[in-house]
């Protein structure tokens, strides 16, 4: 299916990524759709995390990293020389596999990113904290203890707090790198429900090793193996009638003979 510019939040064209002499991503060509959950699946070591970390240039900080090709966002190639990487990362937020809360209060965790971008009055801070904790369905659980340490929360609550902190800077795209892999089933379900609501306002790019999870929440599915995209398309299409034998094998048996 042809993807129009209006449908695409991020267009990647012939992206190759190397760490020293090892090529990790090979001729990646993909469109991530606006206001959809774009799920990237594939076996361990297939390049899933490297791909999403290339979308907001976190890989820049890794020794030996090199990239060529285009990652088009807001009509700009994010790898061109004059790109403000700090600004880019406010527009393309990231949530990691393990919750990354700061050693301060729940209240200050929500405000951590946005306070570095603009000066806020006390009333604005209170409003931002409440709005974003409500957005991740955490407000009722923590409203009475906003000045407790964030580390006092459960792991599932911490992950929702990390998402609230990301939302506070008003990104357009949110990258999520296996955000439920360390969570219990109840917390996982809470995050999945949250993502289904968030896609109304944001574009979500979600890495998961869990095929059942991808089937539950994905709109678009991108299957990777050995640094290449084997197949991509609507979730229903890939699960019911994949074009590639490797896709069918992986979705049925979680095995990829690439």
C-alpha atoms as a PDB file:
ATOM      1  CA  UNK A   1       0.000   0.000   0.000  1.00  0.00           C
ATOM      2  CA  UNK A   2       1.303   3.447  -0.941  1.00  0.00           C
ATOM      3  CA  UNK A   3       1.788   5.669   2.116  1.00  0.00           C
ATOM      4  CA  UNK A   4       1.045   9.380   1.602  1.00  0.00           C
ATOM      5  CA  UNK A   5       3.096  12.123   3.236  1.00  0.00           C
ATOM      6  CA  UNK A   6       0.049  13.053   5.323  1.00  0.00           C
ATOM      7  CA  UNK A   7      -0.142   9.522   6.748  1.00  0.00           C
ATOM      8  CA  UNK A   8       3.556   9.229   7.562  1.00  0.00           C
ATOM      9  CA  UNK A   9       5.022  10.666  10.781  1.00  0.00           C
ATOM     10  CA  UNK A  10       8.547   9.429  10.042  1.00  0.00           C
ATOM     11  CA  UNK A  11       9.925   8.166   6.745  1.00  0.00           C
ATOM     12  CA  UNK A  12      13.159   6.163   6.767  1.00  0.00           C
ATOM     13  CA  UNK A  13      14.912   5.754   3.436  1.00  0.00           C
ATOM     14  CA  UNK A  14      17.906   3.453   2.904  1.00  0.00           C
ATOM     15  CA  UNK A  15      19.185   3.755   6.489  1.00  0.00           C
ATOM     16  CA  UNK A  16      22.372   1.841   7.250  1.00  0.00           C
ATOM     17  CA  UNK A  17      23.881   1.798  10.731  1.00  0.00           C
ATOM     18  CA  UNK A  18      27.346   0.628  11.766  1.00  0.00           C
ATOM     19  CA  UNK A  19      29.164   0.270  15.060  1.00  0.00           C
ATOM     20  CA  UNK A  20      32.811   0.372  14.064  1.00  0.00           C
ATOM     21  CA  UNK A  21      33.035  -2.178  11.235  1.00  0.00           C
ATOM     22  CA  UNK A  22      29.890  -4.120  12.159  1.00  0.00           C
ATOM     23  CA  UNK A  23      26.766  -3.278  10.134  1.00  0.00           C
ATOM     24  CA  UNK A  24      23.695  -3.570  12.355  1.00  0.00           C
ATOM     25  CA  UNK A  25      20.963  -2.058  10.137  1.00  0.00           C
ATOM     26  CA  UNK A  26      20.860  -2.756   6.406  1.00  0.00           C
ATOM     27  CA  UNK A  27      18.987  -0.583   3.883  1.00  0.00           C
ATOM     28  CA  UNK A  28      16.050   0.117   6.204  1.00  0.00           C
ATOM     29  CA  UNK A  29      13.041   1.508   4.339  1.00  0.00           C
ATOM     30  CA  UNK A  30       9.885   2.121   6.383  1.00  0.00           C
ATOM     31  CA  UNK A  31       7.118   4.636   7.075  1.00  0.00           C
ATOM     32  CA  UNK A  32       5.820   5.000  10.628  1.00  0.00           C
ATOM     33  CA  UNK A  33       2.158   5.979  10.473  1.00  0.00           C
ATOM     34  CA  UNK A  34       0.702   8.981  12.287  1.00  0.00           C
ATOM     35  CA  UNK A  35      -1.555   8.305  15.280  1.00  0.00           C
ATOM     36  CA  UNK A  36      -0.970   4.573  15.053  1.00  0.00           C
ATOM     37  CA  UNK A  37       0.841   1.972  17.134  1.00  0.00           C
ATOM     38  CA  UNK A  38       3.723   0.901  14.910  1.00  0.00           C
ATOM     39  CA  UNK A  39       5.036  -2.363  16.398  1.00  0.00           C
ATOM     40  CA  UNK A  40       8.536  -3.603  15.571  1.00  0.00           C
ATOM     41  CA  UNK A  41       8.980  -7.331  16.201  1.00  0.00           C
ATOM     42  CA  UNK A  42      11.762  -9.821  15.582  1.00  0.00           C
ATOM     43  CA  UNK A  43      14.209 -12.129  17.355  1.00  0.00           C
ATOM     44  CA  UNK A  44      16.870 -10.868  19.765  1.00  0.00           C
ATOM     45  CA  UNK A  45      19.711  -9.171  17.942  1.00  0.00           C
ATOM     46  CA  UNK A  46      17.640  -8.317  14.879  1.00  0.00           C
ATOM     47  CA  UNK A  47      18.239  -4.557  15.214  1.00  0.00           C
ATOM     48  CA  UNK A  48      14.903  -3.455  16.722  1.00  0.00           C
ATOM     49  CA  UNK A  49      16.363  -1.314  19.509  1.00  0.00           C
ATOM     50  CA  UNK A  50      19.094   0.069  17.267  1.00  0.00           C
ATOM     51  CA  UNK A  51      16.409   1.179  14.809  1.00  0.00           C
ATOM     52  CA  UNK A  52      14.299   3.147  17.280  1.00  0.00           C
ATOM     53  CA  UNK A  53      17.395   4.602  18.964  1.00  0.00           C
ATOM     54  CA  UNK A  54      18.392   5.903  15.536  1.00  0.00           C
ATOM     55  CA  UNK A  55      15.119   7.817  15.278  1.00  0.00           C
ATOM     56  CA  UNK A  56      16.003  10.339  18.007  1.00  0.00           C
ATOM     57  CA  UNK A  57      19.779   9.961  17.686  1.00  0.00           C
ATOM     58  CA  UNK A  58      20.471   8.306  21.036  1.00  0.00           C
ATOM     59  CA  UNK A  59      22.939   6.088  19.196  1.00  0.00           C
ATOM     60  CA  UNK A  60      25.090   9.192  18.572  1.00  0.00           C
ATOM     61  CA  UNK A  61      26.512   8.695  22.072  1.00  0.00           C
ATOM     62  CA  UNK A  62      27.704   5.133  21.361  1.00  0.00           C
ATOM     63  CA  UNK A  63      31.351   4.799  20.407  1.00  0.00           C
ATOM     64  CA  UNK A  64      31.914   3.782  16.775  1.00  0.00           C
ATOM     65  CA  UNK A  65      28.376   4.695  15.637  1.00  0.00           C
ATOM     66  CA  UNK A  66      27.973   5.682  11.977  1.00  0.00           C
ATOM     67  CA  UNK A  67      24.835   6.082   9.894  1.00  0.00           C
ATOM     68  CA  UNK A  68      23.951   6.894   6.312  1.00  0.00           C
ATOM     69  CA  UNK A  69      20.603   7.263   4.621  1.00  0.00           C
ATOM     70  CA  UNK A  70      17.665   9.473   5.571  1.00  0.00           C
ATOM     71  CA  UNK A  71      15.324   9.672   8.546  1.00  0.00           C
ATOM     72  CA  UNK A  72      12.724  12.277   7.567  1.00  0.00           C
ATOM     73  CA  UNK A  73      10.746  13.961  10.340  1.00  0.00           C
ATOM     74  CA  UNK A  74       8.996  17.339  10.087  1.00  0.00           C
ATOM     75  CA  UNK A  75      10.318  17.630   6.510  1.00  0.00           C
ATOM     76  CA  UNK A  76      13.947  17.384   7.650  1.00  0.00           C
ATOM     77  CA  UNK A  77      16.524  14.616   7.578  1.00  0.00           C
ATOM     78  CA  UNK A  78      17.423  14.306  11.279  1.00  0.00           C
ATOM     79  CA  UNK A  79      20.993  13.347  10.330  1.00  0.00           C
ATOM     80  CA  UNK A  80      21.755  16.568   8.476  1.00  0.00           C
ATOM     81  CA  UNK A  81      24.405  18.726  10.125  1.00  0.00           C
ATOM     82  CA  UNK A  82      22.297  21.652  11.358  1.00  0.00           C
ATOM     83  CA  UNK A  83      19.764  19.574  13.350  1.00  0.00           C
ATOM     84  CA  UNK A  84      19.322  20.593  17.007  1.00  0.00           C
ATOM     85  CA  UNK A  85      19.419  17.176  18.681  1.00  0.00           C
ATOM     86  CA  UNK A  86      18.066  18.469  22.015  1.00  0.00           C
ATOM     87  CA  UNK A  87      15.033  19.943  20.246  1.00  0.00           C
ATOM     88  CA  UNK A  88      14.608  16.732  18.252  1.00  0.00           C
ATOM     89  CA  UNK A  89      14.457  14.664  21.435  1.00  0.00           C
ATOM     90  CA  UNK A  90      11.672  16.834  22.846  1.00  0.00           C
ATOM     91  CA  UNK A  91       9.613  16.129  19.719  1.00  0.00           C
ATOM     92  CA  UNK A  92      10.511  12.427  19.661  1.00  0.00           C
ATOM     93  CA  UNK A  93      10.383  11.165  23.242  1.00  0.00           C
ATOM     94  CA  UNK A  94      11.575   7.786  24.487  1.00  0.00           C
ATOM     95  CA  UNK A  95      10.508   5.273  27.123  1.00  0.00           C
ATOM     96  CA  UNK A  96      13.000   2.531  27.945  1.00  0.00           C
ATOM     97  CA  UNK A  97      12.746  -1.138  28.843  1.00  0.00           C
ATOM     98  CA  UNK A  98      13.334  -0.518  32.546  1.00  0.00           C
ATOM     99  CA  UNK A  99      11.684   2.471  34.235  1.00  0.00           C
ATOM    100  CA  UNK A 100      14.192   5.311  34.542  1.00  0.00           C
ATOM    101  CA  UNK A 101      12.939   7.454  37.432  1.00  0.00           C
ATOM    102  CA  UNK A 102      15.109  10.194  38.896  1.00  0.00           C
ATOM    103  CA  UNK A 103      16.064  10.231  42.624  1.00  0.00           C
ATOM    104  CA  UNK A 104      13.545  12.910  43.478  1.00  0.00           C
ATOM    105  CA  UNK A 105       9.793  13.202  44.064  1.00  0.00           C
ATOM    106  CA  UNK A 106       6.971  11.975  41.854  1.00  0.00           C
ATOM    107  CA  UNK A 107       6.048  15.634  41.291  1.00  0.00           C
ATOM    108  CA  UNK A 108       9.556  16.624  40.188  1.00  0.00           C
ATOM    109  CA  UNK A 109       9.885  13.576  37.949  1.00  0.00           C
ATOM    110  CA  UNK A 110       6.914  14.692  35.861  1.00  0.00           C
ATOM    111  CA  UNK A 111       8.416  18.170  35.493  1.00  0.00           C
ATOM    112  CA  UNK A 112      12.024  17.086  34.943  1.00  0.00           C
ATOM    113  CA  UNK A 113      12.130  17.534  31.151  1.00  0.00           C
ATOM    114  CA  UNK A 114       9.757  20.455  30.712  1.00  0.00           C
ATOM    115  CA  UNK A 115      11.524  22.569  33.389  1.00  0.00           C
ATOM    116  CA  UNK A 116      14.664  22.510  31.261  1.00  0.00           C
ATOM    117  CA  UNK A 117      12.729  23.941  28.307  1.00  0.00           C
ATOM    118  CA  UNK A 118      10.820  26.840  29.875  1.00  0.00           C
ATOM    119  CA  UNK A 119      10.218  28.708  33.096  1.00  0.00           C
ATOM    120  CA  UNK A 120       7.006  27.640  34.833  1.00  0.00           C
ATOM    121  CA  UNK A 121       4.915  29.342  37.496  1.00  0.00           C
ATOM    122  CA  UNK A 122       3.810  27.263  40.495  1.00  0.00           C
ATOM    123  CA  UNK A 123       0.241  27.019  39.196  1.00  0.00           C
ATOM    124  CA  UNK A 124       1.487  25.864  35.772  1.00  0.00           C
ATOM    125  CA  UNK A 125       3.616  23.191  37.421  1.00  0.00           C
ATOM    126  CA  UNK A 126       0.687  21.902  39.456  1.00  0.00           C
ATOM    127  CA  UNK A 127      -1.530  21.816  36.384  1.00  0.00           C
ATOM    128  CA  UNK A 128       1.084  19.991  34.272  1.00  0.00           C
ATOM    129  CA  UNK A 129       1.664  17.377  36.953  1.00  0.00           C
ATOM    130  CA  UNK A 130      -2.046  16.710  37.375  1.00  0.00           C
ATOM    131  CA  UNK A 131      -2.805  16.643  33.622  1.00  0.00           C
ATOM    132  CA  UNK A 132       0.008  14.255  32.756  1.00  0.00           C
ATOM    133  CA  UNK A 133      -0.510  11.909  35.681  1.00  0.00           C
ATOM    134  CA  UNK A 134      -4.184  11.745  34.703  1.00  0.00           C
ATOM    135  CA  UNK A 135      -3.154  11.025  31.104  1.00  0.00           C
ATOM    136  CA  UNK A 136      -1.350   7.861  32.281  1.00  0.00           C
ATOM    137  CA  UNK A 137      -4.085   6.921  34.793  1.00  0.00           C
ATOM    138  CA  UNK A 138      -1.761   7.487  37.749  1.00  0.00           C
ATOM    139  CA  UNK A 139      -3.292  10.557  39.358  1.00  0.00           C
ATOM    140  CA  UNK A 140      -5.764   8.764  41.636  1.00  0.00           C
ATOM    141  CA  UNK A 141      -3.010   6.449  42.867  1.00  0.00           C
ATOM    142  CA  UNK A 142      -0.488   9.159  43.757  1.00  0.00           C
ATOM    143  CA  UNK A 143      -2.363  12.469  44.209  1.00  0.00           C
ATOM    144  CA  UNK A 144      -2.010  12.191  47.995  1.00  0.00           C
ATOM    145  CA  UNK A 145       1.747  11.482  47.866  1.00  0.00           C
ATOM    146  CA  UNK A 146       3.189  13.650  45.084  1.00  0.00           C
ATOM    147  CA  UNK A 147       6.229  14.575  47.172  1.00  0.00           C
ATOM    148  CA  UNK A 148       7.190  10.982  47.969  1.00  0.00           C
ATOM    149  CA  UNK A 149      10.227   9.574  46.210  1.00  0.00           C
ATOM    150  CA  UNK A 150       9.428   8.203  42.748  1.00  0.00           C
ATOM    151  CA  UNK A 151      11.389   5.083  43.694  1.00  0.00           C
ATOM    152  CA  UNK A 152       8.684   4.266  46.270  1.00  0.00           C
ATOM    153  CA  UNK A 153       6.272   3.435  43.434  1.00  0.00           C
ATOM    154  CA  UNK A 154       5.809  -0.072  42.042  1.00  0.00           C
ATOM    155  CA  UNK A 155       7.696  -0.892  38.840  1.00  0.00           C
ATOM    156  CA  UNK A 156       4.479  -0.619  36.805  1.00  0.00           C
ATOM    157  CA  UNK A 157       3.676   2.766  38.345  1.00  0.00           C
ATOM    158  CA  UNK A 158       7.238   3.938  37.684  1.00  0.00           C
ATOM    159  CA  UNK A 159       6.885   3.061  34.007  1.00  0.00           C
ATOM    160  CA  UNK A 160       3.648   5.038  33.760  1.00  0.00           C
ATOM    161  CA  UNK A 161       5.427   7.930  35.527  1.00  0.00           C
ATOM    162  CA  UNK A 162       8.156   7.793  32.863  1.00  0.00           C
ATOM    163  CA  UNK A 163       5.482   8.036  30.174  1.00  0.00           C
ATOM    164  CA  UNK A 164       3.908  11.016  31.996  1.00  0.00           C
ATOM    165  CA  UNK A 165       7.319  12.737  32.063  1.00  0.00           C
ATOM    166  CA  UNK A 166       7.641  12.142  28.320  1.00  0.00           C
ATOM    167  CA  UNK A 167       4.146  13.512  27.641  1.00  0.00           C
ATOM    168  CA  UNK A 168       4.851  16.671  29.652  1.00  0.00           C
ATOM    169  CA  UNK A 169       7.238  18.014  26.973  1.00  0.00           C
ATOM    170  CA  UNK A 170       4.497  17.544  24.339  1.00  0.00           C
ATOM    171  CA  UNK A 171       6.261  15.278  21.830  1.00  0.00           C
ATOM    172  CA  UNK A 172       4.789  14.295  18.477  1.00  0.00           C
ATOM    173  CA  UNK A 173       6.248  10.786  18.507  1.00  0.00           C
ATOM    174  CA  UNK A 174       6.927   8.403  21.414  1.00  0.00           C
ATOM    175  CA  UNK A 175       9.446   5.586  21.080  1.00  0.00           C
ATOM    176  CA  UNK A 176       8.930   2.654  23.461  1.00  0.00           C
ATOM    177  CA  UNK A 177      11.631  -0.012  23.735  1.00  0.00           C
ATOM    178  CA  UNK A 178       9.999  -3.132  25.248  1.00  0.00           C
ATOM    179  CA  UNK A 179       8.415  -1.009  28.019  1.00  0.00           C
ATOM    180  CA  UNK A 180       6.451  -3.899  29.547  1.00  0.00           C
ATOM    181  CA  UNK A 181       9.111  -6.636  29.488  1.00  0.00           C
ATOM    182  CA  UNK A 182       9.875  -6.267  33.213  1.00  0.00           C
ATOM    183  CA  UNK A 183       6.249  -5.790  34.307  1.00  0.00           C
ATOM    184  CA  UNK A 184       3.668  -8.167  35.764  1.00  0.00           C
ATOM    185  CA  UNK A 185       0.549  -9.021  33.686  1.00  0.00           C
ATOM    186  CA  UNK A 186      -1.687  -6.454  35.427  1.00  0.00           C
ATOM    187  CA  UNK A 187       0.812  -3.609  34.898  1.00  0.00           C
ATOM    188  CA  UNK A 188       1.357  -4.770  31.306  1.00  0.00           C
ATOM    189  CA  UNK A 189      -2.375  -4.593  30.651  1.00  0.00           C
ATOM    190  CA  UNK A 190      -2.492  -1.078  32.156  1.00  0.00           C
ATOM    191  CA  UNK A 191       0.302   0.108  29.818  1.00  0.00           C
ATOM    192  CA  UNK A 192      -1.342  -1.519  26.772  1.00  0.00           C
ATOM    193  CA  UNK A 193      -4.678   0.148  27.570  1.00  0.00           C
ATOM    194  CA  UNK A 194      -2.863   3.450  28.007  1.00  0.00           C
ATOM    195  CA  UNK A 195      -1.142   3.143  24.607  1.00  0.00           C
ATOM    196  CA  UNK A 196      -4.447   2.478  22.852  1.00  0.00           C
ATOM    197  CA  UNK A 197      -5.675   5.831  24.221  1.00  0.00           C
ATOM    198  CA  UNK A 198      -2.431   7.719  23.571  1.00  0.00           C
ATOM    199  CA  UNK A 199      -2.420   6.966  19.844  1.00  0.00           C
ATOM    200  CA  UNK A 200      -5.311   9.414  19.461  1.00  0.00           C
ATOM    201  CA  UNK A 201      -2.804  12.240  20.106  1.00  0.00           C
ATOM    202  CA  UNK A 202       0.607  10.708  19.414  1.00  0.00           C
ATOM    203  CA  UNK A 203       2.446   8.483  16.975  1.00  0.00           C
ATOM    204  CA  UNK A 204       3.769   5.431  18.844  1.00  0.00           C
ATOM    205  CA  UNK A 205       6.707   3.275  17.759  1.00  0.00           C
ATOM    206  CA  UNK A 206       6.775   0.231  19.979  1.00  0.00           C
ATOM    207  CA  UNK A 207       9.410  -2.515  20.143  1.00  0.00           C
ATOM    208  CA  UNK A 208       8.232  -5.818  21.591  1.00  0.00           C
ATOM    209  CA  UNK A 209       9.486  -9.386  21.668  1.00  0.00           C
ATOM    210  CA  UNK A 210       5.968 -10.544  22.569  1.00  0.00           C
ATOM    211  CA  UNK A 211       4.003 -11.617  19.491  1.00  0.00           C
ATOM    212  CA  UNK A 212       0.735 -11.885  21.434  1.00  0.00           C
ATOM    213  CA  UNK A 213       1.198  -8.315  22.633  1.00  0.00           C
ATOM    214  CA  UNK A 214       1.805  -7.112  19.072  1.00  0.00           C
ATOM    215  CA  UNK A 215      -1.379  -8.857  17.999  1.00  0.00           C
ATOM    216  CA  UNK A 216      -3.320  -7.114  20.773  1.00  0.00           C
ATOM    217  CA  UNK A 217      -2.215  -3.528  20.226  1.00  0.00           C
ATOM    218  CA  UNK A 218      -0.457  -3.025  16.864  1.00  0.00           C
ATOM    219  CA  UNK A 219      -1.938  -1.127  13.948  1.00  0.00           C
ATOM    220  CA  UNK A 220       1.115  -1.570  11.749  1.00  0.00           C
ATOM    221  CA  UNK A 221       3.600  -4.429  12.136  1.00  0.00           C
ATOM    222  CA  UNK A 222       7.258  -4.288  11.092  1.00  0.00           C
ATOM    223  CA  UNK A 223       9.102  -7.624  11.188  1.00  0.00           C
ATOM    224  CA  UNK A 224      12.898  -7.452  11.401  1.00  0.00           C
ATOM    225  CA  UNK A 225      15.589 -10.106  11.228  1.00  0.00           C
ATOM    226  CA  UNK A 226      19.369  -9.753  11.013  1.00  0.00           C
ATOM    227  CA  UNK A 227      19.235  -6.005  10.579  1.00  0.00           C
ATOM    228  CA  UNK A 228      16.740  -6.038   7.722  1.00  0.00           C
ATOM    229  CA  UNK A 229      13.018  -5.415   7.442  1.00  0.00           C
ATOM    230  CA  UNK A 230      11.592  -8.668   6.150  1.00  0.00           C
ATOM    231  CA  UNK A 231       7.975  -7.506   5.909  1.00  0.00           C
ATOM    232  CA  UNK A 232       5.739  -4.652   7.032  1.00  0.00           C
ATOM    233  CA  UNK A 233       2.074  -3.822   6.794  1.00  0.00           C
ATOM    234  CA  UNK A 234      -1.258  -3.834   8.602  1.00  0.00           C
ATOM    235  CA  UNK A 235      -1.267  -6.154  11.614  1.00  0.00           C
ATOM    236  CA  UNK A 236      -4.261  -8.138  10.347  1.00  0.00           C
ATOM    237  CA  UNK A 237      -2.595  -8.716   6.984  1.00  0.00           C
ATOM    238  CA  UNK A 238       0.688  -9.986   8.411  1.00  0.00           C
ATOM    239  CA  UNK A 239      -0.990 -12.309  10.897  1.00  0.00           C
ATOM    240  CA  UNK A 240      -3.471 -13.738   8.384  1.00  0.00           C
ATOM    241  CA  UNK A 241      -1.631 -13.641   5.045  1.00  0.00           C
ATOM    242  CA  UNK A 242       2.069 -12.815   5.327  1.00  0.00           C
ATOM    243  CA  UNK A 243       3.905 -12.599   2.018  1.00  0.00           C
ATOM    244  CA  UNK A 244       7.226 -13.894   3.313  1.00  0.00           C
ATOM    245  CA  UNK A 245       7.845 -17.421   4.581  1.00  0.00           C
ATOM    246  CA  UNK A 246      10.109 -16.026   7.328  1.00  0.00           C
ATOM    247  CA  UNK A 247       7.273 -13.835   8.620  1.00  0.00           C
ATOM    248  CA  UNK A 248       4.875 -16.761   8.754  1.00  0.00           C
ATOM    249  CA  UNK A 249       7.418 -18.932  10.560  1.00  0.00           C
ATOM    250  CA  UNK A 250       8.217 -16.251  13.115  1.00  0.00           C
ATOM    251  CA  UNK A 251       4.606 -15.334  13.849  1.00  0.00           C
ATOM    252  CA  UNK A 252       3.678 -18.987  14.265  1.00  0.00           C
ATOM    253  CA  UNK A 253       6.756 -20.332  16.022  1.00  0.00           C
ATOM    254  CA  UNK A 254       8.840 -17.291  17.023  1.00  0.00           C
ATOM    255  CA  UNK A 255      11.600 -18.707  14.857  1.00  0.00           C
ATOM    256  CA  UNK A 256      13.264 -16.837  12.023  1.00  0.00           C
ATOM    257  CA  UNK A 257      15.409 -18.562   9.405  1.00  0.00           C
ATOM    258  CA  UNK A 258      16.573 -15.356   7.746  1.00  0.00           C
END
